[in-house]
């Protein structure tokens, strides 16, 4: 099961919510210093505890990928069916 976090962009006058996503999706976002993530130990969208990308990646269990693996099939592996 993937933990859900809230992603926000920090501005001088507060923060702008970007959305809710799993930790893997959050870690694949473009690296922008103003982007922060709700701490995964708290309820996404309800907490004021936000962390940066480095801390979020440290909270990932060892050996677990940042998100679901995407597998691409080669053309040779695709079987075509005649109609």
PDB file of N, CA and C in Angstrom:
ATOM      1  N   UNK A   1       0.835  -1.179   0.000  1.00  0.00           N
ATOM      2  CA  UNK A   1       0.000   0.000   0.000  1.00  0.00           C
ATOM      3  C   UNK A   1       0.879   1.240   0.000  1.00  0.00           C
ATOM      4  N   UNK A   2       0.524   2.223  -0.787  1.00  0.00           N
ATOM      5  CA  UNK A   2       1.296   3.441  -0.887  1.00  0.00           C
ATOM      6  C   UNK A   2       0.705   4.510   0.012  1.00  0.00           C
ATOM      7  N   UNK A   3       1.568   5.189   0.746  1.00  0.00           N
ATOM      8  CA  UNK A   3       1.152   6.262   1.636  1.00  0.00           C
ATOM      9  C   UNK A   3       0.840   7.508   0.809  1.00  0.00           C
ATOM     10  N   UNK A   4      -0.214   8.216   1.157  1.00  0.00           N
ATOM     11  CA  UNK A   4      -0.627   9.420   0.446  1.00  0.00           C
ATOM     12  C   UNK A   4      -0.087  10.648   1.166  1.00  0.00           C
ATOM     13  N   UNK A   5       0.450  11.601   0.388  1.00  0.00           N
ATOM     14  CA  UNK A   5       0.944  12.862   0.933  1.00  0.00           C
ATOM     15  C   UNK A   5       0.296  14.014   0.178  1.00  0.00           C
ATOM     16  N   UNK A   6       0.276  15.172   0.816  1.00  0.00           N
ATOM     17  CA  UNK A   6      -0.188  16.389   0.158  1.00  0.00           C
ATOM     18  C   UNK A   6       1.042  17.130  -0.341  1.00  0.00           C
ATOM     19  N   UNK A   7       0.984  17.640  -1.558  1.00  0.00           N
ATOM     20  CA  UNK A   7       2.091  18.392  -2.128  1.00  0.00           C
ATOM     21  C   UNK A   7       1.673  19.858  -2.175  1.00  0.00           C
ATOM     22  N   UNK A   8       2.569  20.742  -1.688  1.00  0.00           N
ATOM     23  CA  UNK A   8       2.292  22.184  -1.688  1.00  0.00           C
ATOM     24  C   UNK A   8       3.495  22.923  -2.244  1.00  0.00           C
ATOM     25  N   UNK A   9       3.252  24.135  -2.724  1.00  0.00           N
ATOM     26  CA  UNK A   9       4.321  25.041  -3.126  1.00  0.00           C
ATOM     27  C   UNK A   9       4.329  26.179  -2.117  1.00  0.00           C
ATOM     28  N   UNK A  10       5.482  26.374  -1.462  1.00  0.00           N
ATOM     29  CA  UNK A  10       5.639  27.436  -0.469  1.00  0.00           C
ATOM     30  C   UNK A  10       5.853  28.767  -1.161  1.00  0.00           C
ATOM     31  N   UNK A  11       5.122  29.778  -0.693  1.00  0.00           N
ATOM     32  CA  UNK A  11       5.275  31.155  -1.174  1.00  0.00           C
ATOM     33  C   UNK A  11       5.478  32.053   0.037  1.00  0.00           C
ATOM     34  N   UNK A  12       5.830  33.307  -0.193  1.00  0.00           N
ATOM     35  CA  UNK A  12       6.059  34.244   0.912  1.00  0.00           C
ATOM     36  C   UNK A  12       4.847  34.347   1.829  1.00  0.00           C
ATOM     37  N   UNK A  13       3.671  34.363   1.239  1.00  0.00           N
ATOM     38  CA  UNK A  13       2.444  34.591   2.004  1.00  0.00           C
ATOM     39  C   UNK A  13       1.678  33.307   2.330  1.00  0.00           C
ATOM     40  N   UNK A  14       2.332  32.153   2.276  1.00  0.00           N
ATOM     41  CA  UNK A  14       1.656  30.898   2.608  1.00  0.00           C
ATOM     42  C   UNK A  14       2.027  29.804   1.639  1.00  0.00           C
ATOM     43  N   UNK A  15       1.108  28.873   1.454  1.00  0.00           N
ATOM     44  CA  UNK A  15       1.384  27.778   0.530  1.00  0.00           C
ATOM     45  C   UNK A  15       0.178  27.535  -0.366  1.00  0.00           C
ATOM     46  N   UNK A  16       0.481  27.004  -1.545  1.00  0.00           N
ATOM     47  CA  UNK A  16      -0.552  26.695  -2.529  1.00  0.00           C
ATOM     48  C   UNK A  16      -0.600  25.177  -2.670  1.00  0.00           C
ATOM     49  N   UNK A  17      -1.747  24.551  -2.372  1.00  0.00           N
ATOM     50  CA  UNK A  17      -1.846  23.098  -2.528  1.00  0.00           C
ATOM     51  C   UNK A  17      -1.776  22.694  -3.997  1.00  0.00           C
ATOM     52  N   UNK A  18      -0.991  21.657  -4.273  1.00  0.00           N
ATOM     53  CA  UNK A  18      -0.872  21.136  -5.630  1.00  0.00           C
ATOM     54  C   UNK A  18      -1.775  19.920  -5.783  1.00  0.00           C
ATOM     55  N   UNK A  19      -1.784  19.054  -4.766  1.00  0.00           N
ATOM     56  CA  UNK A  19      -2.638  17.880  -4.836  1.00  0.00           C
ATOM     57  C   UNK A  19      -2.198  16.798  -3.877  1.00  0.00           C
ATOM     58  N   UNK A  20      -2.957  15.711  -3.902  1.00  0.00           N
ATOM     59  CA  UNK A  20      -2.644  14.530  -3.105  1.00  0.00           C
ATOM     60  C   UNK A  20      -2.087  13.471  -4.038  1.00  0.00           C
ATOM     61  N   UNK A  21      -1.047  12.774  -3.594  1.00  0.00           N
ATOM     62  CA  UNK A  21      -0.452  11.712  -4.407  1.00  0.00           C
ATOM     63  C   UNK A  21       0.282  10.735  -3.515  1.00  0.00           C
ATOM     64  N   UNK A  22       0.619   9.589  -4.075  1.00  0.00           N
ATOM     65  CA  UNK A  22       1.391   8.652  -3.265  1.00  0.00           C
ATOM     66  C   UNK A  22       2.844   9.121  -3.222  1.00  0.00           C
ATOM     67  N   UNK A  23       3.611   8.558  -2.303  1.00  0.00           N
ATOM     68  CA  UNK A  23       4.988   8.997  -2.086  1.00  0.00           C
ATOM     69  C   UNK A  23       5.825   8.827  -3.350  1.00  0.00           C
ATOM     70  N   UNK A  24       5.631   7.739  -4.069  1.00  0.00           N
ATOM     71  CA  UNK A  24       6.385   7.515  -5.300  1.00  0.00           C
ATOM     72  C   UNK A  24       6.131   8.610  -6.325  1.00  0.00           C
ATOM     73  N   UNK A  25       4.882   8.987  -6.508  1.00  0.00           N
ATOM     74  CA  UNK A  25       4.546  10.060  -7.441  1.00  0.00           C
ATOM     75  C   UNK A  25       5.162  11.370  -6.974  1.00  0.00           C
ATOM     76  N   UNK A  26       5.101  11.629  -5.677  1.00  0.00           N
ATOM     77  CA  UNK A  26       5.652  12.867  -5.124  1.00  0.00           C
ATOM     78  C   UNK A  26       7.150  12.952  -5.389  1.00  0.00           C
ATOM     79  N   UNK A  27       7.854  11.842  -5.203  1.00  0.00           N
ATOM     80  CA  UNK A  27       9.305  11.854  -5.410  1.00  0.00           C
ATOM     81  C   UNK A  27       9.686  11.968  -6.878  1.00  0.00           C
ATOM     82  N   UNK A  28       8.779  11.667  -7.787  1.00  0.00           N
ATOM     83  CA  UNK A  28       9.052  11.801  -9.215  1.00  0.00           C
ATOM     84  C   UNK A  28       8.716  13.192  -9.750  1.00  0.00           C
ATOM     85  N   UNK A  29       8.183  14.057  -8.897  1.00  0.00           N
ATOM     86  CA  UNK A  29       7.884  15.427  -9.332  1.00  0.00           C
ATOM     87  C   UNK A  29       9.175  16.166  -9.650  1.00  0.00           C
ATOM     88  N   UNK A  30       9.106  17.197 -10.501  1.00  0.00           N
ATOM     89  CA  UNK A  30      10.315  17.977 -10.796  1.00  0.00           C
ATOM     90  C   UNK A  30      10.907  18.551  -9.500  1.00  0.00           C
ATOM     91  N   UNK A  31      12.238  18.620  -9.464  1.00  0.00           N
ATOM     92  CA  UNK A  31      12.913  19.137  -8.264  1.00  0.00           C
ATOM     93  C   UNK A  31      12.834  20.659  -8.254  1.00  0.00           C
ATOM     94  N   UNK A  32      11.950  21.168  -7.413  1.00  0.00           N
ATOM     95  CA  UNK A  32      11.763  22.603  -7.253  1.00  0.00           C
ATOM     96  C   UNK A  32      11.898  22.892  -5.761  1.00  0.00           C
ATOM     97  N   UNK A  33      12.774  23.843  -5.374  1.00  0.00           N
ATOM     98  CA  UNK A  33      12.996  24.085  -3.947  1.00  0.00           C
ATOM     99  C   UNK A  33      11.740  24.461  -3.159  1.00  0.00           C
ATOM    100  N   UNK A  34      10.785  25.106  -3.789  1.00  0.00           N
ATOM    101  CA  UNK A  34       9.599  25.567  -3.073  1.00  0.00           C
ATOM    102  C   UNK A  34       8.575  24.460  -2.825  1.00  0.00           C
ATOM    103  N   UNK A  35       8.782  23.269  -3.394  1.00  0.00           N
ATOM    104  CA  UNK A  35       7.823  22.171  -3.240  1.00  0.00           C
ATOM    105  C   UNK A  35       8.094  21.451  -1.921  1.00  0.00           C
ATOM    106  N   UNK A  36       7.025  21.234  -1.151  1.00  0.00           N
ATOM    107  CA  UNK A  36       7.114  20.500   0.107  1.00  0.00           C
ATOM    108  C   UNK A  36       6.007  19.448   0.145  1.00  0.00           C
ATOM    109  N   UNK A  37       6.182  18.486   1.038  1.00  0.00           N
ATOM    110  CA  UNK A  37       5.271  17.348   1.128  1.00  0.00           C
ATOM    111  C   UNK A  37       4.814  17.173   2.561  1.00  0.00           C
ATOM    112  N   UNK A  38       3.551  16.823   2.751  1.00  0.00           N
ATOM    113  CA  UNK A  38       3.094  16.554   4.113  1.00  0.00           C
ATOM    114  C   UNK A  38       3.806  15.312   4.626  1.00  0.00           C
ATOM    115  N   UNK A  39       4.098  15.304   5.901  1.00  0.00           N
ATOM    116  CA  UNK A  39       4.790  14.158   6.494  1.00  0.00           C
ATOM    117  C   UNK A  39       3.873  12.949   6.388  1.00  0.00           C
ATOM    118  N   UNK A  40       4.366  11.814   5.858  1.00  0.00           N
ATOM    119  CA  UNK A  40       3.491  10.661   5.635  1.00  0.00           C
ATOM    120  C   UNK A  40       2.948  10.005   6.902  1.00  0.00           C
ATOM    121  N   UNK A  41       3.455  10.390   8.074  1.00  0.00           N
ATOM    122  CA  UNK A  41       2.938   9.823   9.320  1.00  0.00           C
ATOM    123  C   UNK A  41       1.629  10.487   9.745  1.00  0.00           C
ATOM    124  N   UNK A  42       1.284  11.588   9.072  1.00  0.00           N
ATOM    125  CA  UNK A  42       0.075  12.338   9.408  1.00  0.00           C
ATOM    126  C   UNK A  42      -0.928  12.280   8.265  1.00  0.00           C
ATOM    127  N   UNK A  43      -2.141  12.686   8.518  1.00  0.00           N
ATOM    128  CA  UNK A  43      -3.214  12.651   7.521  1.00  0.00           C
ATOM    129  C   UNK A  43      -2.977  13.704   6.434  1.00  0.00           C
ATOM    130  N   UNK A  44      -2.844  13.263   5.190  1.00  0.00           N
ATOM    131  CA  UNK A  44      -2.640  14.190   4.073  1.00  0.00           C
ATOM    132  C   UNK A  44      -3.826  15.127   3.950  1.00  0.00           C
ATOM    133  N   UNK A  45      -3.539  16.417   3.772  1.00  0.00           N
ATOM    134  CA  UNK A  45      -4.594  17.415   3.639  1.00  0.00           C
ATOM    135  C   UNK A  45      -5.085  17.945   4.969  1.00  0.00           C
ATOM    136  N   UNK A  46      -4.663  17.330   6.074  1.00  0.00           N
ATOM    137  CA  UNK A  46      -5.128  17.738   7.392  1.00  0.00           C
ATOM    138  C   UNK A  46      -3.999  18.237   8.286  1.00  0.00           C
ATOM    139  N   UNK A  47      -2.748  17.966   7.941  1.00  0.00           N
ATOM    140  CA  UNK A  47      -1.622  18.288   8.819  1.00  0.00           C
ATOM    141  C   UNK A  47      -0.903  19.563   8.404  1.00  0.00           C
ATOM    142  N   UNK A  48      -0.187  20.162   9.361  1.00  0.00           N
ATOM    143  CA  UNK A  48       0.668  21.328   9.068  1.00  0.00           C
ATOM    144  C   UNK A  48       2.137  20.918   9.053  1.00  0.00           C
ATOM    145  N   UNK A  49       2.421  19.642   9.158  1.00  0.00           N
ATOM    146  CA  UNK A  49       3.796  19.155   9.195  1.00  0.00           C
ATOM    147  C   UNK A  49       4.238  18.825   7.772  1.00  0.00           C
ATOM    148  N   UNK A  50       5.152  19.641   7.242  1.00  0.00           N
ATOM    149  CA  UNK A  50       5.634  19.470   5.877  1.00  0.00           C
ATOM    150  C   UNK A  50       7.138  19.254   5.882  1.00  0.00           C
ATOM    151  N   UNK A  51       7.615  18.466   4.920  1.00  0.00           N
ATOM    152  CA  UNK A  51       9.029  18.125   4.821  1.00  0.00           C
ATOM    153  C   UNK A  51       9.498  18.310   3.386  1.00  0.00           C
ATOM    154  N   UNK A  52      10.813  18.322   3.202  1.00  0.00           N
ATOM    155  CA  UNK A  52      11.346  18.468   1.841  1.00  0.00           C
ATOM    156  C   UNK A  52      11.523  17.093   1.181  1.00  0.00           C
ATOM    157  N   UNK A  53      11.933  17.104  -0.072  1.00  0.00           N
ATOM    158  CA  UNK A  53      12.093  15.881  -0.865  1.00  0.00           C
ATOM    159  C   UNK A  53      13.110  14.928  -0.243  1.00  0.00           C
ATOM    160  N   UNK A  54      14.233  15.460   0.253  1.00  0.00           N
ATOM    161  CA  UNK A  54      15.268  14.597   0.832  1.00  0.00           C
ATOM    162  C   UNK A  54      14.740  13.835   2.040  1.00  0.00           C
ATOM    163  N   UNK A  55      14.029  14.529   2.905  1.00  0.00           N
ATOM    164  CA  UNK A  55      13.485  13.868   4.085  1.00  0.00           C
ATOM    165  C   UNK A  55      12.421  12.841   3.691  1.00  0.00           C
ATOM    166  N   UNK A  56      11.607  13.176   2.701  1.00  0.00           N
ATOM    167  CA  UNK A  56      10.583  12.240   2.240  1.00  0.00           C
ATOM    168  C   UNK A  56      11.222  10.968   1.698  1.00  0.00           C
ATOM    169  N   UNK A  57      12.282  11.115   0.907  1.00  0.00           N
ATOM    170  CA  UNK A  57      12.931   9.929   0.347  1.00  0.00           C
ATOM    171  C   UNK A  57      13.594   9.093   1.444  1.00  0.00           C
ATOM    172  N   UNK A  58      14.078   9.723   2.514  1.00  0.00           N
ATOM    173  CA  UNK A  58      14.660   8.983   3.642  1.00  0.00           C
ATOM    174  C   UNK A  58      13.607   8.161   4.377  1.00  0.00           C
ATOM    175  N   UNK A  59      12.356   8.594   4.324  1.00  0.00           N
ATOM    176  CA  UNK A  59      11.276   7.884   5.015  1.00  0.00           C
ATOM    177  C   UNK A  59      10.774   6.669   4.245  1.00  0.00           C
ATOM    178  N   UNK A  60      11.223   6.522   2.985  1.00  0.00           N
ATOM    179  CA  UNK A  60      10.835   5.353   2.200  1.00  0.00           C
ATOM    180  C   UNK A  60      11.498   4.122   2.791  1.00  0.00           C
ATOM    181  N   UNK A  61      10.791   3.004   2.883  1.00  0.00           N
ATOM    182  CA  UNK A  61      11.408   1.780   3.398  1.00  0.00           C
ATOM    183  C   UNK A  61      12.591   1.364   2.522  1.00  0.00           C
ATOM    184  N   UNK A  62      13.678   0.848   3.126  1.00  0.00           N
ATOM    185  CA  UNK A  62      14.838   0.428   2.343  1.00  0.00           C
ATOM    186  C   UNK A  62      14.469  -0.632   1.313  1.00  0.00           C
ATOM    187  N   UNK A  63      15.009  -0.481   0.127  1.00  0.00           N
ATOM    188  CA  UNK A  63      14.775  -1.461  -0.931  1.00  0.00           C
ATOM    189  C   UNK A  63      13.456  -1.311  -1.646  1.00  0.00           C
ATOM    190  N   UNK A  64      12.615  -0.397  -1.197  1.00  0.00           N
ATOM    191  CA  UNK A  64      11.325  -0.207  -1.857  1.00  0.00           C
ATOM    192  C   UNK A  64      11.470   0.886  -2.911  1.00  0.00           C
ATOM    193  N   UNK A  65      11.013   0.633  -4.122  1.00  0.00           N
ATOM    194  CA  UNK A  65      11.116   1.653  -5.162  1.00  0.00           C
ATOM    195  C   UNK A  65      10.232   2.846  -4.838  1.00  0.00           C
ATOM    196  N   UNK A  66      10.536   3.985  -5.463  1.00  0.00           N
ATOM    197  CA  UNK A  66       9.780   5.207  -5.219  1.00  0.00           C
ATOM    198  C   UNK A  66       8.349   5.119  -5.719  1.00  0.00           C
ATOM    199  N   UNK A  67       8.046   4.164  -6.528  1.00  0.00           N
ATOM    200  CA  UNK A  67       6.689   4.029  -7.036  1.00  0.00           C
ATOM    201  C   UNK A  67       6.566   2.756  -7.830  1.00  0.00           C
ATOM    202  N   UNK A  68       5.380   2.487  -8.340  1.00  0.00           N
ATOM    203  CA  UNK A  68       5.197   1.270  -9.117  1.00  0.00           C
ATOM    204  C   UNK A  68       6.073   1.280 -10.361  1.00  0.00           C
ATOM    205  N   UNK A  69       6.676   0.163 -10.654  1.00  0.00           N
ATOM    206  CA  UNK A  69       7.539   0.071 -11.834  1.00  0.00           C
ATOM    207  C   UNK A  69       6.684   0.084 -13.090  1.00  0.00           C
ATOM    208  N   UNK A  70       7.173   0.779 -14.074  1.00  0.00           N
ATOM    209  CA  UNK A  70       6.492   0.813 -15.363  1.00  0.00           C
ATOM    210  C   UNK A  70       7.279  -0.093 -16.290  1.00  0.00           C
ATOM    211  N   UNK A  71       6.615  -1.075 -16.839  1.00  0.00           N
ATOM    212  CA  UNK A  71       7.284  -2.031 -17.711  1.00  0.00           C
ATOM    213  C   UNK A  71       6.834  -1.803 -19.139  1.00  0.00           C
ATOM    214  N   UNK A  72       7.793  -1.666 -20.022  1.00  0.00           N
ATOM    215  CA  UNK A  72       7.460  -1.500 -21.432  1.00  0.00           C
ATOM    216  C   UNK A  72       7.785  -2.774 -22.164  1.00  0.00           C
ATOM    217  N   UNK A  73       6.918  -3.128 -23.063  1.00  0.00           N
ATOM    218  CA  UNK A  73       7.132  -4.345 -23.834  1.00  0.00           C
ATOM    219  C   UNK A  73       7.786  -3.980 -25.155  1.00  0.00           C
ATOM    220  N   UNK A  74       8.707  -4.799 -25.587  1.00  0.00           N
ATOM    221  CA  UNK A  74       9.327  -4.579 -26.897  1.00  0.00           C
ATOM    222  C   UNK A  74       8.339  -5.004 -27.981  1.00  0.00           C
ATOM    223  N   UNK A  75       8.580  -4.540 -29.183  1.00  0.00           N
ATOM    224  CA  UNK A  75       7.704  -4.922 -30.303  1.00  0.00           C
ATOM    225  C   UNK A  75       7.704  -6.424 -30.510  1.00  0.00           C
ATOM    226  N   UNK A  76       8.840  -7.078 -30.221  1.00  0.00           N
ATOM    227  CA  UNK A  76       8.940  -8.524 -30.395  1.00  0.00           C
ATOM    228  C   UNK A  76       8.029  -9.269 -29.414  1.00  0.00           C
ATOM    229  N   UNK A  77       7.777  -8.672 -28.251  1.00  0.00           N
ATOM    230  CA  UNK A  77       6.982  -9.334 -27.222  1.00  0.00           C
ATOM    231  C   UNK A  77       5.485  -9.183 -27.468  1.00  0.00           C
ATOM    232  N   UNK A  78       5.110  -8.267 -28.328  1.00  0.00           N
ATOM    233  CA  UNK A  78       3.685  -8.022 -28.587  1.00  0.00           C
ATOM    234  C   UNK A  78       3.204  -9.008 -29.636  1.00  0.00           C
ATOM    235  N   UNK A  79       2.131  -9.684 -29.330  1.00  0.00           N
ATOM    236  CA  UNK A  79       1.567 -10.627 -30.301  1.00  0.00           C
ATOM    237  C   UNK A  79       0.400  -9.947 -31.011  1.00  0.00           C
ATOM    238  N   UNK A  80       0.463  -9.968 -32.327  1.00  0.00           N
ATOM    239  CA  UNK A  80      -0.605  -9.356 -33.108  1.00  0.00           C
ATOM    240  C   UNK A  80      -1.606 -10.434 -33.522  1.00  0.00           C
ATOM    241  N   UNK A  81      -2.850 -10.077 -33.475  1.00  0.00           N
ATOM    242  CA  UNK A  81      -3.912 -11.022 -33.809  1.00  0.00           C
ATOM    243  C   UNK A  81      -4.601 -10.595 -35.088  1.00  0.00           C
ATOM    244  N   UNK A  82      -4.826 -11.496 -35.964  1.00  0.00           N
ATOM    245  CA  UNK A  82      -5.558 -11.194 -37.202  1.00  0.00           C
ATOM    246  C   UNK A  82      -7.051 -11.253 -36.898  1.00  0.00           C
ATOM    247  N   UNK A  83      -7.773 -10.376 -37.538  1.00  0.00           N
ATOM    248  CA  UNK A  83      -9.227 -10.345 -37.333  1.00  0.00           C
ATOM    249  C   UNK A  83      -9.905 -11.105 -38.440  1.00  0.00           C
TER     250      UNK A  83
END
